[in-house]
N, C-alpha and C. Protein backbone atom coordinates (compact mmCIF):
# COMPACT_ATOMS: atom_id res chain seq x y z
N UNK A 1 42.14 91.52 -1.27
CA UNK A 1 42.44 92.12 0.03
C UNK A 1 41.75 93.48 0.12
N UNK A 2 41.18 93.83 1.26
CA UNK A 2 40.52 95.12 1.43
C UNK A 2 41.50 96.28 1.19
N UNK A 3 40.97 97.44 0.86
CA UNK A 3 41.85 98.56 0.52
C UNK A 3 42.65 99.08 1.71
N UNK A 4 42.23 98.80 2.95
CA UNK A 4 43.02 99.22 4.11
C UNK A 4 44.15 98.23 4.41
N UNK A 5 44.21 97.12 3.68
CA UNK A 5 45.29 96.17 3.84
C UNK A 5 45.05 95.11 4.90
N UNK A 6 43.93 95.15 5.59
CA UNK A 6 43.64 94.19 6.66
C UNK A 6 42.53 93.23 6.24
N UNK A 7 42.76 91.97 6.49
CA UNK A 7 41.70 90.99 6.28
C UNK A 7 40.86 90.94 7.56
N UNK A 8 39.76 90.25 7.48
CA UNK A 8 38.91 90.08 8.67
C UNK A 8 39.68 89.38 9.77
N UNK A 9 40.47 88.40 9.40
CA UNK A 9 41.28 87.68 10.40
C UNK A 9 42.29 88.62 11.05
N UNK A 10 42.94 89.48 10.26
CA UNK A 10 43.89 90.46 10.80
C UNK A 10 43.22 91.34 11.85
N UNK A 11 42.04 91.83 11.51
CA UNK A 11 41.32 92.70 12.43
C UNK A 11 40.89 91.97 13.70
N UNK A 12 40.54 90.70 13.57
CA UNK A 12 40.18 89.90 14.74
C UNK A 12 41.38 89.74 15.67
N UNK A 13 42.53 89.45 15.09
CA UNK A 13 43.75 89.30 15.89
C UNK A 13 44.11 90.62 16.57
N UNK A 14 44.03 91.71 15.83
CA UNK A 14 44.32 93.02 16.42
C UNK A 14 43.37 93.35 17.56
N UNK A 15 42.10 93.00 17.40
CA UNK A 15 41.13 93.24 18.46
C UNK A 15 41.49 92.43 19.70
N UNK A 16 41.90 91.18 19.51
CA UNK A 16 42.28 90.34 20.64
C UNK A 16 43.52 90.90 21.35
N UNK A 17 44.50 91.35 20.57
CA UNK A 17 45.71 91.91 21.16
C UNK A 17 45.38 93.19 21.94
N UNK A 18 44.54 94.04 21.37
CA UNK A 18 44.17 95.27 22.05
C UNK A 18 43.38 94.98 23.32
N UNK A 19 42.51 93.99 23.29
CA UNK A 19 41.76 93.61 24.48
C UNK A 19 42.71 93.11 25.56
N UNK A 20 43.69 92.29 25.17
CA UNK A 20 44.69 91.79 26.11
C UNK A 20 45.49 92.93 26.72
N UNK A 21 45.95 93.88 25.89
CA UNK A 21 46.75 95.00 26.40
C UNK A 21 45.96 95.84 27.39
N UNK A 22 44.68 96.09 27.10
CA UNK A 22 43.87 96.89 28.02
C UNK A 22 43.63 96.13 29.32
N UNK A 23 43.36 94.83 29.22
CA UNK A 23 43.16 94.01 30.42
C UNK A 23 44.41 94.01 31.29
N UNK A 24 45.57 93.83 30.67
CA UNK A 24 46.82 93.82 31.44
C UNK A 24 47.10 95.18 32.06
N UNK A 25 46.76 96.25 31.36
CA UNK A 25 46.91 97.59 31.92
C UNK A 25 46.06 97.72 33.19
N UNK A 26 44.82 97.28 33.11
CA UNK A 26 43.93 97.37 34.26
C UNK A 26 44.41 96.50 35.43
N UNK A 27 44.87 95.29 35.12
CA UNK A 27 45.35 94.39 36.18
C UNK A 27 46.60 94.94 36.84
N UNK A 28 47.55 95.39 36.03
CA UNK A 28 48.79 95.93 36.60
C UNK A 28 48.52 97.18 37.43
N UNK A 29 47.59 98.02 36.98
CA UNK A 29 47.22 99.20 37.74
C UNK A 29 46.60 98.80 39.08
N UNK A 30 45.73 97.80 39.05
CA UNK A 30 45.10 97.32 40.29
C UNK A 30 46.15 96.73 41.23
N UNK A 31 47.07 95.92 40.71
CA UNK A 31 48.11 95.33 41.55
C UNK A 31 49.01 96.41 42.13
N UNK A 32 49.32 97.42 41.34
CA UNK A 32 50.17 98.51 41.82
C UNK A 32 49.49 99.26 42.97
N UNK A 33 48.19 99.46 42.85
CA UNK A 33 47.48 100.19 43.90
C UNK A 33 47.35 99.38 45.19
N UNK A 34 47.47 98.06 45.09
CA UNK A 34 47.37 97.20 46.27
C UNK A 34 48.73 96.84 46.87
N UNK A 35 49.80 97.12 46.16
CA UNK A 35 51.14 96.72 46.61
C UNK A 35 51.57 97.54 47.82
N UNK A 36 52.12 96.87 48.78
CA UNK A 36 52.64 97.53 49.98
C UNK A 36 54.09 97.96 49.74
N UNK A 37 54.84 97.11 49.09
CA UNK A 37 56.24 97.37 48.79
C UNK A 37 56.33 98.43 47.68
N UNK A 38 57.03 99.52 47.94
CA UNK A 38 57.08 100.61 46.95
C UNK A 38 57.81 100.21 45.67
N UNK A 39 58.82 99.35 45.78
CA UNK A 39 59.52 98.93 44.55
C UNK A 39 58.60 98.06 43.68
N UNK A 40 57.81 97.22 44.31
CA UNK A 40 56.84 96.41 43.56
C UNK A 40 55.78 97.31 42.93
N UNK A 41 55.36 98.32 43.67
CA UNK A 41 54.37 99.27 43.15
C UNK A 41 54.91 99.97 41.90
N UNK A 42 56.19 100.37 41.94
CA UNK A 42 56.80 101.04 40.79
C UNK A 42 56.91 100.10 39.60
N UNK A 43 57.29 98.85 39.85
CA UNK A 43 57.40 97.87 38.76
C UNK A 43 56.05 97.65 38.11
N UNK A 44 55.02 97.45 38.92
CA UNK A 44 53.68 97.20 38.36
C UNK A 44 53.15 98.43 37.63
N UNK A 45 53.45 99.61 38.14
CA UNK A 45 53.03 100.83 37.45
C UNK A 45 53.73 100.96 36.09
N UNK A 46 55.01 100.60 36.06
CA UNK A 46 55.75 100.65 34.79
C UNK A 46 55.17 99.65 33.78
N UNK A 47 54.83 98.47 34.26
CA UNK A 47 54.20 97.48 33.37
C UNK A 47 52.85 97.99 32.88
N UNK A 48 52.07 98.59 33.77
CA UNK A 48 50.77 99.14 33.36
C UNK A 48 50.96 100.19 32.28
N UNK A 49 51.95 101.06 32.47
CA UNK A 49 52.21 102.11 31.48
C UNK A 49 52.62 101.53 30.13
N UNK A 50 53.43 100.47 30.15
CA UNK A 50 53.87 99.89 28.88
C UNK A 50 52.71 99.22 28.15
N UNK A 51 51.81 98.58 28.89
CA UNK A 51 50.63 97.97 28.24
C UNK A 51 49.72 99.06 27.66
N UNK A 52 49.55 100.15 28.38
CA UNK A 52 48.72 101.26 27.89
C UNK A 52 49.34 101.88 26.65
N UNK A 53 50.66 102.02 26.67
CA UNK A 53 51.35 102.60 25.51
C UNK A 53 51.17 101.73 24.28
N UNK A 54 51.29 100.40 24.44
CA UNK A 54 51.09 99.51 23.30
C UNK A 54 49.66 99.59 22.78
N UNK A 55 48.69 99.65 23.69
CA UNK A 55 47.29 99.79 23.28
C UNK A 55 47.11 101.08 22.48
N UNK A 56 47.62 102.18 23.03
CA UNK A 56 47.47 103.48 22.36
C UNK A 56 48.14 103.50 20.99
N UNK A 57 49.29 102.84 20.88
CA UNK A 57 49.99 102.78 19.60
C UNK A 57 49.17 102.02 18.56
N UNK A 58 48.63 100.87 18.96
CA UNK A 58 47.79 100.12 18.04
C UNK A 58 46.53 100.90 17.65
N UNK A 59 45.92 101.55 18.62
CA UNK A 59 44.71 102.33 18.37
C UNK A 59 45.00 103.47 17.38
N UNK A 60 46.12 104.17 17.60
CA UNK A 60 46.49 105.26 16.71
C UNK A 60 46.77 104.75 15.31
N UNK A 61 47.47 103.61 15.23
CA UNK A 61 47.78 103.04 13.92
C UNK A 61 46.50 102.68 13.17
N UNK A 62 45.56 102.07 13.86
CA UNK A 62 44.31 101.70 13.20
C UNK A 62 43.51 102.93 12.79
N UNK A 63 43.62 104.00 13.56
CA UNK A 63 42.93 105.24 13.22
C UNK A 63 43.46 105.90 11.96
N UNK A 64 44.71 105.60 11.61
CA UNK A 64 45.32 106.17 10.40
C UNK A 64 44.91 105.40 9.16
N UNK A 65 44.40 104.20 9.33
CA UNK A 65 44.09 103.35 8.18
C UNK A 65 42.80 103.75 7.53
């Protein structure tokens, strides 16, 4: 096993998850900006924020390795 503890497969999976989180952040942000209903806009913005937070957490974790 590599000294950082990640196999190539682990890194591939992490890359896919990070790509998904960033894509969902972008989609939720776009949907929020197009929403007419303010409660829907708030919900989509909250979802966008949670996807961005997960992305940032994974990115920070990988940066520590």
